[in-house]
Amino acid sequence: METLGEYLRMLREENDLPIRKVAAVVDVDQSTMGKYERGERLPKRELLDNFATFFKVPVREMEKRFLTDKVVFPLLDEESPETILEDCKQKLAYLRNKNVTQGEFKFQ
């Protein structure tokens, strides 16, 4: 699975568009758009709708890549990232079972 930046570049190139055109439509600086494509920076989540609309792809596809990049990139330098991801999966199940939302516990 490619990164969000690689996906954005692929979509742009498939549509034979210059980077400046995409940057203008989604209202970001051209150099910032280049950083997105190179994986040097993640776009703000609010921009995902703009990208999805412009490229006529499901916003969920953008969100999936955004969220996985957000989770995976910080783990690249860790000694055992797979173990951490497995722990995260277990913690997610635990918190869902306890009916927790971000920032607050809901005790039943």
Protein backbone atom coordinates (compact mmCIF):
# COMPACT_ATOMS: atom_id res chain seq x y z
CA MET A 1 0.00 0.00 0.00
CA GLU A 2 1.50 3.32 -1.00
CA THR A 3 1.70 6.36 1.22
CA LEU A 4 -0.74 9.23 0.93
CA GLY A 5 1.94 11.30 -0.78
CA GLU A 6 2.67 8.59 -3.33
CA TYR A 7 -1.07 8.22 -3.94
CA LEU A 8 -1.46 11.97 -4.50
CA ARG A 9 1.45 11.99 -6.95
CA MET A 10 0.04 8.97 -8.79
CA LEU A 11 -3.38 10.64 -9.13
CA ARG A 12 -1.82 13.88 -10.34
CA GLU A 13 0.37 12.12 -12.90
CA GLU A 14 -2.50 9.88 -14.10
CA ASN A 15 -4.45 13.05 -14.81
CA ASP A 16 -1.42 14.65 -16.48
CA LEU A 17 -1.59 17.68 -14.17
CA PRO A 18 1.23 19.97 -13.08
CA ILE A 19 1.82 20.21 -9.35
CA ARG A 20 0.98 23.94 -9.41
CA LYS A 21 -2.55 23.22 -10.72
CA VAL A 22 -3.35 20.75 -7.93
CA ALA A 23 -1.82 23.05 -5.32
CA ALA A 24 -3.94 25.96 -6.54
CA VAL A 25 -7.17 23.96 -6.51
CA VAL A 26 -6.68 22.63 -2.97
CA ASP A 27 -5.34 26.01 -1.83
CA VAL A 28 -1.83 25.09 -0.70
CA ASP A 29 1.57 26.41 -1.70
CA GLN A 30 3.25 24.56 -4.56
CA SER A 31 6.28 23.69 -2.40
CA THR A 32 3.95 22.35 0.31
CA MET A 33 2.25 20.14 -2.28
CA GLY A 34 5.68 18.81 -3.24
CA LYS A 35 6.37 17.97 0.41
CA TYR A 36 3.10 16.06 0.58
CA GLU A 37 4.01 14.04 -2.50
CA ARG A 38 7.53 13.28 -1.22
CA GLY A 39 6.20 12.17 2.17
CA GLU A 40 8.02 14.95 3.98
CA ARG A 41 4.78 16.27 5.41
CA LEU A 42 1.18 15.13 5.84
CA PRO A 43 -1.61 17.42 4.71
CA LYS A 44 -4.10 18.60 7.28
CA ARG A 45 -7.05 16.27 7.52
CA GLU A 46 -9.39 19.05 6.36
CA LEU A 47 -7.69 18.99 2.94
CA LEU A 48 -8.54 15.35 2.27
CA ASP A 49 -12.04 16.27 1.08
CA ASN A 50 -10.56 18.79 -1.37
CA PHE A 51 -8.16 16.19 -2.78
CA ALA A 52 -10.88 13.53 -3.03
CA THR A 53 -13.30 15.88 -4.77
CA PHE A 54 -10.68 17.16 -7.18
CA PHE A 55 -9.42 13.70 -8.15
CA LYS A 56 -12.92 12.14 -8.00
CA VAL A 57 -11.92 9.39 -5.57
CA PRO A 58 -13.62 8.31 -2.34
CA VAL A 59 -12.62 10.47 0.62
CA ARG A 60 -12.37 7.25 2.63
CA GLU A 61 -9.43 6.22 0.43
CA MET A 62 -7.63 9.45 1.34
CA GLU A 63 -8.48 9.05 5.03
CA LYS A 64 -7.21 5.46 5.11
CA ARG A 65 -3.83 6.49 3.74
CA PHE A 66 -3.70 9.57 5.97
CA LEU A 67 -4.38 7.61 9.15
CA THR A 68 -2.06 4.73 8.34
CA ASP A 69 0.75 7.19 7.52
CA LYS A 70 0.09 8.96 10.79
CA VAL A 71 0.43 5.71 12.70
CA VAL A 72 3.23 4.01 10.75
CA PHE A 73 5.75 6.80 10.13
CA PRO A 74 6.49 7.38 13.85
CA LEU A 75 7.07 3.62 14.24
CA LEU A 76 9.65 3.27 11.46
CA ASP A 77 12.61 3.78 13.81
CA GLU A 78 11.24 1.63 16.62
CA GLU A 79 12.87 -1.71 17.40
CA SER A 80 9.71 -3.83 17.16
CA PRO A 81 6.96 -1.87 15.41
CA GLU A 82 4.84 -4.94 14.72
CA THR A 83 4.61 -5.66 18.45
CA ILE A 84 3.57 -2.07 19.10
CA LEU A 85 0.90 -2.30 16.40
CA GLU A 86 -0.40 -5.54 17.92
CA ASP A 87 -0.56 -3.83 21.33
CA CYS A 88 -2.45 -0.95 19.71
CA LYS A 89 -4.94 -3.39 18.23
CA GLN A 90 -5.52 -4.90 21.67
CA LYS A 91 -5.83 -1.49 23.29
CA LEU A 92 -8.33 -0.40 20.66
CA ALA A 93 -10.47 -3.45 21.39
CA TYR A 94 -10.18 -2.80 25.13
CA LEU A 95 -11.19 0.85 24.84
CA ARG A 96 -14.07 0.08 22.49
CA ASN A 97 -15.29 -2.54 24.94
CA LYS A 98 -15.21 0.05 27.73
CA ASN A 99 -17.11 2.50 25.47
CA VAL A 100 -14.38 5.14 25.59
CA THR A 101 -14.27 8.22 23.40
CA GLN A 102 -11.13 10.29 23.00
CA GLY A 103 -10.49 12.37 26.08
CA GLU A 104 -13.12 10.85 28.33
CA PHE A 105 -14.12 7.56 29.88
CA LYS A 106 -17.78 6.61 29.88
CA PHE A 107 -18.39 4.27 32.78
CA GLN A 108 -21.36 2.01 32.49
